[in-house]
Amino acid sequence: AAVYDTDLDQPYHCSPVHSANALWKVLPDKDAIILDAGAGTVMVGEALAELGYNNIIGVDFSEQMLEVGRKKQVYTALYQGNLE
């Protein structure tokens, strides 16, 4: 978890930005509640925060990934949970 963001292949690093931009096209309300299921180290949340979204909640199976994500301080709340 500690090196997840840096270990990803460079082409993947644009994926969270593309995801955030896709949401921005259909959800202009920056105060909308957004659930990031499978939040991991909150890379999508960082991209959403860059666009001005401020009410993001994340869920991920890995508490270690969430600990990395919490340090970035872009989510309203992060929860450990199984999505099955």
Protein backbone atom coordinates (compact mmCIF):
# COMPACT_ATOMS: atom_id res chain seq x y z
CA ALA A 1 0.00 0.00 0.00
CA ALA A 2 2.80 2.41 0.85
CA VAL A 3 4.27 2.26 -2.67
CA TYR A 4 1.09 1.55 -4.65
CA ASP A 5 0.83 4.98 -6.29
CA THR A 6 4.46 5.02 -7.40
CA ASP A 7 4.47 1.37 -8.55
CA LEU A 8 1.63 1.85 -11.04
CA ASP A 9 2.49 2.01 -14.69
CA GLN A 10 2.56 5.56 -16.02
CA PRO A 11 -0.37 5.00 -18.45
CA TYR A 12 -2.62 4.11 -15.49
CA HIS A 13 -1.92 7.39 -13.71
CA CYS A 14 -4.15 9.23 -16.20
CA SER A 15 -7.10 6.87 -15.55
CA PRO A 16 -8.27 8.56 -12.31
CA VAL A 17 -8.13 11.95 -14.06
CA HIS A 18 -10.18 10.61 -16.98
CA SER A 19 -12.70 9.13 -14.53
CA ALA A 20 -13.03 12.43 -12.67
CA ASN A 21 -13.45 14.36 -15.92
CA ALA A 22 -16.15 11.93 -17.08
CA LEU A 23 -18.08 12.53 -13.85
CA TRP A 24 -17.64 16.29 -14.14
CA LYS A 25 -19.39 16.19 -17.56
CA VAL A 26 -22.55 14.68 -16.06
CA LEU A 27 -22.41 15.98 -12.47
CA PRO A 28 -21.60 19.68 -12.32
CA ASP A 29 -22.79 19.99 -8.67
CA LYS A 30 -19.50 20.13 -6.73
CA ASP A 31 -21.37 19.57 -3.43
CA ALA A 32 -22.94 16.28 -4.53
CA ILE A 33 -22.21 13.26 -2.35
CA ILE A 34 -19.90 10.90 -4.24
CA LEU A 35 -19.19 7.31 -3.17
CA ASP A 36 -15.87 5.92 -4.35
CA ALA A 37 -16.29 2.14 -4.06
CA GLY A 38 -12.86 0.55 -4.15
CA ALA A 39 -11.18 3.80 -3.14
CA GLY A 40 -7.73 2.31 -2.56
CA THR A 41 -5.20 5.10 -2.10
CA VAL A 42 -7.83 7.65 -3.22
CA MET A 43 -6.28 8.55 -6.57
CA VAL A 44 -9.73 9.19 -8.06
CA GLY A 45 -10.59 11.33 -5.05
CA GLU A 46 -7.50 13.44 -5.61
CA ALA A 47 -8.58 14.05 -9.20
CA LEU A 48 -12.13 14.88 -8.08
CA ALA A 49 -10.81 17.29 -5.45
CA GLU A 50 -8.73 19.03 -8.12
CA LEU A 51 -12.01 19.66 -9.97
CA GLY A 52 -13.58 21.13 -6.83
CA TYR A 53 -15.65 18.20 -5.53
CA ASN A 54 -15.69 18.29 -1.75
CA ASN A 55 -18.09 15.63 -0.48
CA ILE A 56 -16.41 12.32 -1.33
CA ILE A 57 -16.80 9.14 0.71
CA GLY A 58 -14.63 6.11 0.06
CA VAL A 59 -14.86 2.40 0.82
CA ASP A 60 -12.10 -0.16 0.31
CA PHE A 61 -11.30 -3.67 1.50
CA SER A 62 -7.71 -2.84 2.44
CA GLU A 63 -7.21 -0.83 5.62
CA GLN A 64 -3.57 -0.31 4.61
CA MET A 65 -4.63 1.35 1.34
CA LEU A 66 -7.09 3.53 3.23
CA GLU A 67 -4.36 4.62 5.66
CA VAL A 68 -2.37 5.92 2.69
CA GLY A 69 -5.51 7.62 1.39
CA ARG A 70 -6.34 9.28 4.71
CA LYS A 71 -3.04 11.15 4.61
CA LYS A 72 -4.15 12.88 1.40
CA GLN A 73 -7.15 14.46 3.19
CA VAL A 74 -9.49 14.72 0.20
CA TYR A 75 -12.37 12.52 1.42
CA THR A 76 -15.12 13.37 3.87
CA ALA A 77 -14.88 9.81 5.22
CA LEU A 78 -13.10 6.55 4.44
CA TYR A 79 -14.42 3.16 5.55
CA GLN A 80 -13.00 -0.34 5.44
CA GLY A 81 -15.49 -2.79 3.98
CA ASN A 82 -16.04 -5.75 1.70
CA LEU A 83 -17.90 -4.85 -1.49
CA GLU A 84 -19.14 -8.38 -2.15
